[in-house]
C-alpha atoms as a PDB file:
ATOM      1  CA  MET A   1      36.345  17.502 148.846  1.00  0.00           C
ATOM      2  CA  LYS A   2      35.715  14.060 147.368  1.00  0.00           C
ATOM      3  CA  ASN A   3      32.696  13.410 149.589  1.00  0.00           C
ATOM      4  CA  ARG A   4      31.144  16.849 149.206  1.00  0.00           C
ATOM      5  CA  GLN A   5      27.854  17.156 147.347  1.00  0.00           C
ATOM      6  CA  SER A   6      25.366  19.876 146.551  1.00  0.00           C
ATOM      7  CA  PRO A   7      22.558  20.355 149.101  1.00  0.00           C
ATOM      8  CA  GLY A   8      19.688  18.038 148.280  1.00  0.00           C
ATOM      9  CA  ASP A   9      21.705  16.086 145.702  1.00  0.00           C
ATOM     10  CA  THR A  10      22.239  12.319 145.618  1.00  0.00           C
ATOM     11  CA  PRO A  11      25.358  10.722 147.125  1.00  0.00           C
ATOM     12  CA  PRO A  12      27.801   9.671 144.362  1.00  0.00           C
ATOM     13  CA  GLU A  13      27.623   5.918 144.943  1.00  0.00           C
ATOM     14  CA  GLU A  14      23.837   5.930 145.140  1.00  0.00           C
ATOM     15  CA  PHE A  15      23.711   8.019 141.960  1.00  0.00           C
ATOM     16  CA  ARG A  16      25.970   5.515 140.205  1.00  0.00           C
ATOM     17  CA  LYS A  17      23.600   2.693 141.209  1.00  0.00           C
ATOM     18  CA  GLN A  18      20.571   4.640 139.958  1.00  0.00           C
ATOM     19  CA  LEU A  19      22.281   5.289 136.633  1.00  0.00           C
ATOM     20  CA  HIS A  20      22.758   1.559 136.106  1.00  0.00           C
ATOM     21  CA  GLU A  21      19.121   0.901 137.017  1.00  0.00           C
ATOM     22  CA  LEU A  22      17.975   3.593 134.615  1.00  0.00           C
ATOM     23  CA  ALA A  23      20.182   2.208 131.838  1.00  0.00           C
ATOM     24  CA  ASP A  24      18.554  -1.202 132.269  1.00  0.00           C
ATOM     25  CA  TRP A  25      15.099   0.412 132.297  1.00  0.00           C
ATOM     26  CA  ILE A  26      15.803   2.282 129.042  1.00  0.00           C
ATOM     27  CA  ALA A  27      17.146  -0.836 127.334  1.00  0.00           C
ATOM     28  CA  ASP A  28      14.151  -2.918 128.467  1.00  0.00           C
ATOM     29  CA  PHE A  29      11.705  -0.239 127.367  1.00  0.00           C
ATOM     30  CA  ARG A  30      13.186  -0.068 123.867  1.00  0.00           C
ATOM     31  CA  GLU A  31      13.376  -3.832 123.556  1.00  0.00           C
ATOM     32  CA  ASN A  32       9.739  -4.365 124.551  1.00  0.00           C
ATOM     33  CA  ILE A  33       8.082  -1.265 123.093  1.00  0.00           C
ATOM     34  CA  GLU A  34       6.217  -3.316 120.472  1.00  0.00           C
ATOM     35  CA  SER A  35       4.171  -4.909 123.268  1.00  0.00           C
ATOM     36  CA  LEU A  36       2.756  -1.526 124.339  1.00  0.00           C
ATOM     37  CA  ARG A  37      -0.308   0.253 123.001  1.00  0.00           C
ATOM     38  CA  VAL A  38       0.629   2.993 120.573  1.00  0.00           C
ATOM     39  CA  ALA A  39      -1.693   5.459 122.337  1.00  0.00           C
ATOM     40  CA  PRO A  40      -3.867   5.390 125.466  1.00  0.00           C
ATOM     41  CA  ASN A  41      -7.598   4.902 125.248  1.00  0.00           C
ATOM     42  CA  GLU A  42      -8.419   6.877 128.381  1.00  0.00           C
ATOM     43  CA  LYS A  43     -10.346  10.110 128.755  1.00  0.00           C
ATOM     44  CA  PRO A  44      -8.600  13.406 129.609  1.00  0.00           C
ATOM     45  CA  GLY A  45      -7.760  13.589 133.297  1.00  0.00           C
ATOM     46  CA  ALA A  46      -7.132   9.860 133.773  1.00  0.00           C
ATOM     47  CA  VAL A  47      -3.438  10.293 134.558  1.00  0.00           C
ATOM     48  CA  ARG A  48      -3.955  13.354 136.722  1.00  0.00           C
ATOM     49  CA  ALA A  49      -6.552  11.533 138.808  1.00  0.00           C
ATOM     50  CA  GLN A  50      -3.909   8.978 139.816  1.00  0.00           C
ATOM     51  CA  LEU A  51      -1.344  11.558 140.925  1.00  0.00           C
ATOM     52  CA  PRO A  52      -1.230  13.079 144.431  1.00  0.00           C
ATOM     53  CA  ALA A  53      -3.013  16.404 144.663  1.00  0.00           C
ATOM     54  CA  GLN A  54      -0.536  17.641 147.291  1.00  0.00           C
ATOM     55  CA  PRO A  55       3.255  17.783 146.838  1.00  0.00           C
ATOM     56  CA  PRO A  56       5.255  15.209 148.837  1.00  0.00           C
ATOM     57  CA  GLU A  57       6.915  16.259 152.064  1.00  0.00           C
ATOM     58  CA  LYS A  58       9.921  14.014 151.375  1.00  0.00           C
ATOM     59  CA  GLY A  59      11.577  12.600 148.304  1.00  0.00           C
ATOM     60  CA  GLU A  60      10.561   9.078 147.296  1.00  0.00           C
ATOM     61  CA  PRO A  61      12.947   6.187 146.609  1.00  0.00           C
ATOM     62  CA  PHE A  62      14.222   5.956 143.050  1.00  0.00           C
ATOM     63  CA  GLU A  63      12.734   2.475 142.669  1.00  0.00           C
ATOM     64  CA  LYS A  64       9.267   3.781 143.513  1.00  0.00           C
ATOM     65  CA  ILE A  65       9.648   6.595 140.989  1.00  0.00           C
ATOM     66  CA  LEU A  66      10.538   4.080 138.266  1.00  0.00           C
ATOM     67  CA  ASN A  67       7.547   1.958 139.281  1.00  0.00           C
ATOM     68  CA  ASP A  68       5.294   5.014 138.972  1.00  0.00           C
ATOM     69  CA  VAL A  69       6.712   5.653 135.514  1.00  0.00           C
ATOM     70  CA  ASP A  70       5.810   2.094 134.499  1.00  0.00           C
ATOM     71  CA  ARG A  71       2.391   2.225 136.161  1.00  0.00           C
ATOM     72  CA  LEU A  72       1.217   5.759 135.326  1.00  0.00           C
ATOM     73  CA  ILE A  73       3.357   7.487 132.718  1.00  0.00           C
ATOM     74  CA  VAL A  74       4.126   4.809 130.134  1.00  0.00           C
ATOM     75  CA  PRO A  75       0.462   3.692 129.758  1.00  0.00           C
ATOM     76  CA  GLY A  76      -0.630   7.324 129.432  1.00  0.00           C
ATOM     77  CA  MET A  77       1.718   8.224 126.595  1.00  0.00           C
ATOM     78  CA  VAL A  78       1.483   8.353 122.827  1.00  0.00           C
ATOM     79  CA  HIS A  79       4.570   6.354 121.907  1.00  0.00           C
ATOM     80  CA  TRP A  80       6.150   8.156 118.983  1.00  0.00           C
ATOM     81  CA  SER A  81       8.950   5.577 118.989  1.00  0.00           C
ATOM     82  CA  HIS A  82       6.543   2.668 118.522  1.00  0.00           C
ATOM     83  CA  PRO A  83       7.023   0.858 115.182  1.00  0.00           C
ATOM     84  CA  MET A  84       3.265   1.159 114.553  1.00  0.00           C
ATOM     85  CA  PHE A  85       3.148   4.913 115.165  1.00  0.00           C
ATOM     86  CA  LEU A  86       2.381   6.558 111.825  1.00  0.00           C
ATOM     87  CA  GLY A  87       1.114   9.992 112.866  1.00  0.00           C
ATOM     88  CA  TYR A  88       2.480  13.525 112.489  1.00  0.00           C
ATOM     89  CA  PHE A  89       6.074  12.940 111.368  1.00  0.00           C
ATOM     90  CA  GLY A  90       8.729  10.253 111.595  1.00  0.00           C
ATOM     91  CA  TRP A  91      10.093   9.453 115.008  1.00  0.00           C
ATOM     92  CA  THR A  92      13.757  10.122 115.629  1.00  0.00           C
ATOM     93  CA  THR A  93      14.540   8.209 118.830  1.00  0.00           C
ATOM     94  CA  THR A  94      17.645   6.083 118.262  1.00  0.00           C
ATOM     95  CA  ALA A  95      20.133   4.412 120.583  1.00  0.00           C
ATOM     96  CA  PRO A  96      22.949   6.851 119.610  1.00  0.00           C
ATOM     97  CA  GLY A  97      20.575   9.759 120.181  1.00  0.00           C
ATOM     98  CA  ILE A  98      19.671   8.514 123.671  1.00  0.00           C
ATOM     99  CA  LEU A  99      23.350   8.055 124.535  1.00  0.00           C
ATOM    100  CA  GLY A 100      23.998  11.592 123.336  1.00  0.00           C
ATOM    101  CA  GLU A 101      21.185  12.919 125.550  1.00  0.00           C
ATOM    102  CA  ILE A 102      22.671  11.102 128.551  1.00  0.00           C
ATOM    103  CA  ILE A 103      26.053  12.725 127.916  1.00  0.00           C
ATOM    104  CA  THR A 104      24.629  16.221 127.454  1.00  0.00           C
ATOM    105  CA  ALA A 105      22.707  16.181 130.765  1.00  0.00           C
ATOM    106  CA  PRO A 106      25.722  16.208 133.133  1.00  0.00           C
ATOM    107  CA  LEU A 107      27.762  18.466 130.832  1.00  0.00           C
ATOM    108  CA  ASN A 108      24.995  21.116 131.101  1.00  0.00           C
ATOM    109  CA  VAL A 109      26.158  22.913 127.968  1.00  0.00           C
ATOM    110  CA  ASN A 110      25.080  26.534 127.410  1.00  0.00           C
ATOM    111  CA  ALA A 111      26.235  27.464 123.938  1.00  0.00           C
ATOM    112  CA  MET A 112      24.857  30.979 123.594  1.00  0.00           C
ATOM    113  CA  THR A 113      28.243  32.277 122.422  1.00  0.00           C
ATOM    114  CA  TRP A 114      31.684  30.839 121.769  1.00  0.00           C
ATOM    115  CA  ARG A 115      32.935  31.979 125.179  1.00  0.00           C
ATOM    116  CA  THR A 116      30.157  30.181 127.107  1.00  0.00           C
ATOM    117  CA  CYS A 117      31.254  26.868 125.592  1.00  0.00           C
ATOM    118  CA  PRO A 118      34.010  26.847 122.954  1.00  0.00           C
ATOM    119  CA  ALA A 119      33.824  23.062 122.471  1.00  0.00           C
ATOM    120  CA  ALA A 120      30.094  23.112 121.666  1.00  0.00           C
ATOM    121  CA  THR A 121      30.393  26.042 119.264  1.00  0.00           C
ATOM    122  CA  GLU A 122      33.284  24.583 117.321  1.00  0.00           C
ATOM    123  CA  LEU A 123      31.865  21.046 117.276  1.00  0.00           C
ATOM    124  CA  GLU A 124      28.591  22.420 115.883  1.00  0.00           C
ATOM    125  CA  THR A 125      30.484  24.323 113.183  1.00  0.00           C
ATOM    126  CA  VAL A 126      32.319  21.193 112.095  1.00  0.00           C
ATOM    127  CA  VAL A 127      29.217  18.977 112.113  1.00  0.00           C
ATOM    128  CA  ILE A 128      27.289  21.524 110.034  1.00  0.00           C
ATOM    129  CA  ASP A 129      30.085  21.400 107.470  1.00  0.00           C
ATOM    130  CA  TRP A 130      29.974  17.589 107.506  1.00  0.00           C
ATOM    131  CA  LEU A 131      26.255  17.806 106.683  1.00  0.00           C
ATOM    132  CA  ARG A 132      27.019  20.220 103.866  1.00  0.00           C
ATOM    133  CA  GLN A 133      29.529  17.792 102.396  1.00  0.00           C
ATOM    134  CA  TRP A 134      27.223  14.776 102.732  1.00  0.00           C
ATOM    135  CA  LEU A 135      24.462  16.661 100.943  1.00  0.00           C
ATOM    136  CA  GLY A 136      26.777  17.914  98.223  1.00  0.00           C
ATOM    137  CA  LEU A 137      26.057  21.573  98.928  1.00  0.00           C
ATOM    138  CA  PRO A 138      28.370  24.420  97.820  1.00  0.00           C
ATOM    139  CA  ASP A 139      31.153  25.587 100.123  1.00  0.00           C
ATOM    140  CA  GLU A 140      29.359  28.816 101.031  1.00  0.00           C
ATOM    141  CA  PHE A 141      26.528  26.932 102.773  1.00  0.00           C
ATOM    142  CA  GLY A 142      26.589  27.071 106.577  1.00  0.00           C
ATOM    143  CA  GLY A 143      24.261  27.453 109.508  1.00  0.00           C
ATOM    144  CA  VAL A 144      23.500  26.393 113.053  1.00  0.00           C
ATOM    145  CA  VAL A 145      21.683  23.455 114.622  1.00  0.00           C
ATOM    146  CA  TYR A 146      18.089  24.338 115.533  1.00  0.00           C
ATOM    147  CA  ASP A 147      16.068  22.469 118.103  1.00  0.00           C
ATOM    148  CA  THR A 148      12.999  22.340 115.835  1.00  0.00           C
ATOM    149  CA  ALA A 149      11.974  23.134 112.263  1.00  0.00           C
ATOM    150  CA  SER A 150       9.564  25.715 113.701  1.00  0.00           C
ATOM    151  CA  VAL A 151      12.461  27.758 115.066  1.00  0.00           C
ATOM    152  CA  GLY A 152      14.204  27.476 111.689  1.00  0.00           C
ATOM    153  CA  ILE A 153      11.097  28.805 109.937  1.00  0.00           C
ATOM    154  CA  MET A 154      10.830  31.716 112.363  1.00  0.00           C
ATOM    155  CA  HIS A 155      14.460  32.680 111.826  1.00  0.00           C
ATOM    156  CA  ALA A 156      14.091  32.447 108.049  1.00  0.00           C
ATOM    157  CA  LEU A 157      11.054  34.742 108.212  1.00  0.00           C
ATOM    158  CA  ALA A 158      12.923  37.108 110.535  1.00  0.00           C
ATOM    159  CA  VAL A 159      15.614  37.465 107.877  1.00  0.00           C
ATOM    160  CA  ALA A 160      12.950  38.108 105.228  1.00  0.00           C
ATOM    161  CA  ARG A 161      11.279  40.704 107.456  1.00  0.00           C
ATOM    162  CA  GLU A 162      14.618  42.442 108.020  1.00  0.00           C
ATOM    163  CA  GLN A 163      15.231  42.567 104.275  1.00  0.00           C
ATOM    164  CA  ALA A 164      11.785  44.012 103.606  1.00  0.00           C
ATOM    165  CA  ALA A 165      11.976  46.460 106.525  1.00  0.00           C
ATOM    166  CA  PRO A 166      15.635  47.149 107.359  1.00  0.00           C
ATOM    167  CA  SER A 167      16.576  47.915 110.973  1.00  0.00           C
ATOM    168  CA  THR A 168      13.438  46.229 112.339  1.00  0.00           C
ATOM    169  CA  ARG A 169      15.602  44.531 114.970  1.00  0.00           C
ATOM    170  CA  LYS A 170      16.503  47.980 116.320  1.00  0.00           C
ATOM    171  CA  LEU A 171      13.460  50.105 115.507  1.00  0.00           C
ATOM    172  CA  GLY A 172      10.562  47.630 115.531  1.00  0.00           C
ATOM    173  CA  LEU A 173       7.588  47.779 113.151  1.00  0.00           C
ATOM    174  CA  THR A 174       5.495  50.566 114.675  1.00  0.00           C
ATOM    175  CA  ASN A 175       5.393  54.219 113.614  1.00  0.00           C
ATOM    176  CA  ARG A 176       7.544  53.599 110.533  1.00  0.00           C
ATOM    177  CA  ASP A 177       4.968  53.942 107.749  1.00  0.00           C
ATOM    178  CA  LEU A 178       5.499  50.321 106.684  1.00  0.00           C
ATOM    179  CA  PRO A 179       3.076  48.274 104.555  1.00  0.00           C
ATOM    180  CA  ARG A 180       1.333  45.190 105.885  1.00  0.00           C
ATOM    181  CA  PHE A 181       3.435  42.141 105.124  1.00  0.00           C
ATOM    182  CA  SER A 182       2.047  38.866 103.803  1.00  0.00           C
ATOM    183  CA  ILE A 183       3.504  35.346 103.963  1.00  0.00           C
ATOM    184  CA  TYR A 184       2.571  32.504 101.610  1.00  0.00           C
ATOM    185  CA  THR A 185       2.616  28.823 102.447  1.00  0.00           C
ATOM    186  CA  SER A 186       0.893  25.646 101.313  1.00  0.00           C
ATOM    187  CA  ASP A 187      -2.333  24.448 102.865  1.00  0.00           C
ATOM    188  CA  GLN A 188      -0.355  21.310 103.739  1.00  0.00           C
ATOM    189  CA  ALA A 189       2.395  23.119 105.636  1.00  0.00           C
ATOM    190  CA  HIS A 190       2.920  23.231 109.385  1.00  0.00           C
ATOM    191  CA  SER A 191       1.269  25.830 111.629  1.00  0.00           C
ATOM    192  CA  ALA A 192       4.750  27.178 112.396  1.00  0.00           C
ATOM    193  CA  ALA A 193       4.127  29.825 109.722  1.00  0.00           C
ATOM    194  CA  GLU A 194       1.263  31.338 111.718  1.00  0.00           C
ATOM    195  CA  LYS A 195       3.143  31.014 114.997  1.00  0.00           C
ATOM    196  CA  SER A 196       6.161  32.758 113.486  1.00  0.00           C
ATOM    197  CA  ALA A 197       3.987  35.538 112.079  1.00  0.00           C
ATOM    198  CA  ILE A 198       2.557  36.141 115.553  1.00  0.00           C
ATOM    199  CA  ALA A 199       5.986  36.180 117.229  1.00  0.00           C
ATOM    200  CA  LEU A 200       7.544  38.447 114.580  1.00  0.00           C
ATOM    201  CA  GLY A 201       4.767  41.024 114.679  1.00  0.00           C
ATOM    202  CA  ILE A 202       3.543  40.255 111.141  1.00  0.00           C
ATOM    203  CA  GLY A 203       0.190  38.907 112.273  1.00  0.00           C
ATOM    204  CA  GLU A 204      -1.524  35.563 111.926  1.00  0.00           C
ATOM    205  CA  GLU A 205      -4.138  36.915 109.507  1.00  0.00           C
ATOM    206  CA  ASN A 206      -1.391  37.884 107.074  1.00  0.00           C
ATOM    207  CA  VAL A 207      -0.362  34.275 106.446  1.00  0.00           C
ATOM    208  CA  ARG A 208      -1.846  33.153 103.132  1.00  0.00           C
ATOM    209  CA  ARG A 209      -2.561  29.442 102.721  1.00  0.00           C
ATOM    210  CA  VAL A 210      -2.047  28.495  99.069  1.00  0.00           C
ATOM    211  CA  PRO A 211      -4.118  25.514  97.833  1.00  0.00           C
ATOM    212  CA  SER A 212      -2.255  22.394  96.772  1.00  0.00           C
ATOM    213  CA  ASP A 213      -3.096  19.847  94.089  1.00  0.00           C
ATOM    214  CA  ASN A 214      -3.824  16.140  94.561  1.00  0.00           C
ATOM    215  CA  GLU A 215      -0.086  15.450  94.856  1.00  0.00           C
ATOM    216  CA  PHE A 216       0.321  18.054  97.626  1.00  0.00           C
ATOM    217  CA  ARG A 217       2.138  20.508  95.355  1.00  0.00           C
ATOM    218  CA  MET A 218       1.594  24.218  95.858  1.00  0.00           C
ATOM    219  CA  GLU A 219      -0.478  25.674  93.007  1.00  0.00           C
ATOM    220  CA  ILE A 220       1.869  28.253  91.524  1.00  0.00           C
ATOM    221  CA  SER A 221      -0.842  29.845  89.391  1.00  0.00           C
ATOM    222  CA  THR A 222      -2.917  30.429  92.530  1.00  0.00           C
ATOM    223  CA  LEU A 223       0.110  31.785  94.343  1.00  0.00           C
ATOM    224  CA  ARG A 224       0.628  34.217  91.473  1.00  0.00           C
ATOM    225  CA  ARG A 225      -2.956  35.470  91.713  1.00  0.00           C
ATOM    226  CA  MET A 226      -2.784  35.808  95.494  1.00  0.00           C
ATOM    227  CA  ILE A 227       0.399  37.872  95.358  1.00  0.00           C
ATOM    228  CA  ALA A 228      -1.039  40.103  92.646  1.00  0.00           C
ATOM    229  CA  GLN A 229      -4.207  40.648  94.686  1.00  0.00           C
ATOM    230  CA  ASP A 230      -2.236  41.476  97.819  1.00  0.00           C
ATOM    231  CA  ARG A 231      -0.096  43.965  95.930  1.00  0.00           C
ATOM    232  CA  GLN A 232      -3.235  45.717  94.712  1.00  0.00           C
ATOM    233  CA  GLU A 233      -4.315  45.985  98.360  1.00  0.00           C
ATOM    234  CA  ALA A 234      -0.941  47.513  99.363  1.00  0.00           C
ATOM    235  CA  PHE A 235       0.488  44.404 101.004  1.00  0.00           C
ATOM    236  CA  GLN A 236       4.236  43.685 100.808  1.00  0.00           C
ATOM    237  CA  PRO A 237       4.739  39.961 100.052  1.00  0.00           C
ATOM    238  CA  LEU A 238       7.316  38.106 102.115  1.00  0.00           C
ATOM    239  CA  PRO A 239       8.538  34.532 101.446  1.00  0.00           C
ATOM    240  CA  SER A 240       6.716  31.551 100.076  1.00  0.00           C
ATOM    241  CA  LEU A 241       7.228  28.520 102.328  1.00  0.00           C
ATOM    242  CA  PRO A 242       7.024  25.176 100.473  1.00  0.00           C
ATOM    243  CA  PRO A 243       5.535  22.171 102.323  1.00  0.00           C
ATOM    244  CA  TRP A 244       8.772  20.236 102.745  1.00  0.00           C
ATOM    245  CA  ALA A 245       7.092  17.569 104.822  1.00  0.00           C
ATOM    246  CA  ARG A 246       5.479  16.458 101.554  1.00  0.00           C
ATOM    247  CA  LEU A 247       8.544  16.900  99.331  1.00  0.00           C
ATOM    248  CA  ARG A 248       8.584  14.874  96.105  1.00  0.00           C
ATOM    249  CA  ALA A 249      10.444  15.192  92.834  1.00  0.00           C
ATOM    250  CA  GLN A 250       7.579  17.088  91.215  1.00  0.00           C
ATOM    251  CA  ALA A 251       7.250  19.282  94.280  1.00  0.00           C
ATOM    252  CA  SER A 252      10.923  20.112  93.801  1.00  0.00           C
ATOM    253  CA  ILE A 253      10.220  21.200  90.248  1.00  0.00           C
ATOM    254  CA  ARG A 254       7.324  23.298  91.464  1.00  0.00           C
ATOM    255  CA  PHE A 255       9.632  24.811  94.082  1.00  0.00           C
ATOM    256  CA  LEU A 256      12.083  25.886  91.398  1.00  0.00           C
ATOM    257  CA  ARG A 257       9.226  27.386  89.386  1.00  0.00           C
ATOM    258  CA  SER A 258       7.931  29.218  92.452  1.00  0.00           C
ATOM    259  CA  ARG A 259      11.417  30.580  93.153  1.00  0.00           C
ATOM    260  CA  ARG A 260      11.662  31.929  89.625  1.00  0.00           C
ATOM    261  CA  PHE A 261       8.207  33.481  89.946  1.00  0.00           C
ATOM    262  CA  VAL A 262       8.585  35.114  93.334  1.00  0.00           C
ATOM    263  CA  GLY A 263      12.076  36.253  92.388  1.00  0.00           C
ATOM    264  CA  LYS A 264      10.603  38.260  89.543  1.00  0.00           C
ATOM    265  CA  LYS A 265       8.126  39.757  92.000  1.00  0.00           C
ATOM    266  CA  ARG A 266      10.889  40.717  94.470  1.00  0.00           C
ATOM    267  CA  CYS A 267       9.689  38.515  97.264  1.00  0.00           C
ATOM    268  CA  GLY A 268      11.513  35.516  98.642  1.00  0.00           C
ATOM    269  CA  CYS A 269      11.056  31.777  98.575  1.00  0.00           C
ATOM    270  CA  THR A 270      12.361  30.363 101.820  1.00  0.00           C
ATOM    271  CA  SER A 271      13.063  26.823 102.919  1.00  0.00           C
ATOM    272  CA  THR A 272      14.403  25.453 106.187  1.00  0.00           C
ATOM    273  CA  ALA A 273      15.159  22.085 104.594  1.00  0.00           C
ATOM    274  CA  PRO A 274      18.854  21.381 103.947  1.00  0.00           C
ATOM    275  CA  THR A 275      17.912  19.540 100.749  1.00  0.00           C
ATOM    276  CA  ALA A 276      16.504  22.690  99.176  1.00  0.00           C
ATOM    277  CA  ALA A 277      19.685  23.367  97.269  1.00  0.00           C
ATOM    278  CA  ARG A 278      20.013  19.824  96.012  1.00  0.00           C
ATOM    279  CA  LEU A 279      16.855  19.370  94.013  1.00  0.00           C
ATOM    280  CA  PRO A 280      16.688  16.998  91.033  1.00  0.00           C
END
């Protein structure tokens, strides 16, 4: 039993050797990343042109694969972990995070329900509560760990849709004599709002981009006019999504004002940011 392995898998001792080689490669890459270009300067197709057009008949040695990574992949990447990378949003690659990824790969966790992995479910519950305590949030706050903010936004909008049109999860949106729904978000916010509207059956055209001022704050007066106009045209407003990627103290104040406003209008103001409840 000790020497058995899955068909096509790597022998245990060889796998152990490869793990050590990969650990050294990762450490060297992180140590020397400053010497790399932040982004390639090649035209589209440059990497593909260097790859075989036909699949290999046999597996290649691990050393050759690592050499190909150094020769083809690393030069063709935008290095989000580079200290000079300032685009999109802050990079999150850390040594503890990499170690965590290495551990999760062999464990192959599937945490769809408690029964599929009790340890993962209960660990997540505890860590979420640690985050709540660190942020000083009330005891009733809870949640789950999402893989991206986009998924968090979609779930928040799904809750808003369910509140505006109960039983949508069971009955859907068609043939129910429902109004057209509208979503409001800043012109600085992520495209996840449109993507969520498409996935949830609300429609991309029903996402309203609210102008922001020169400090990237959503213009509440404009939001008010847009909601009023949509109501006149028989739309049902759903949440306002603040641009949390640009959060500042004044934006927090504007967020509170927008919550008071949309609350009076019986539409929601949703945030996927855990700091939303701890505004100055």
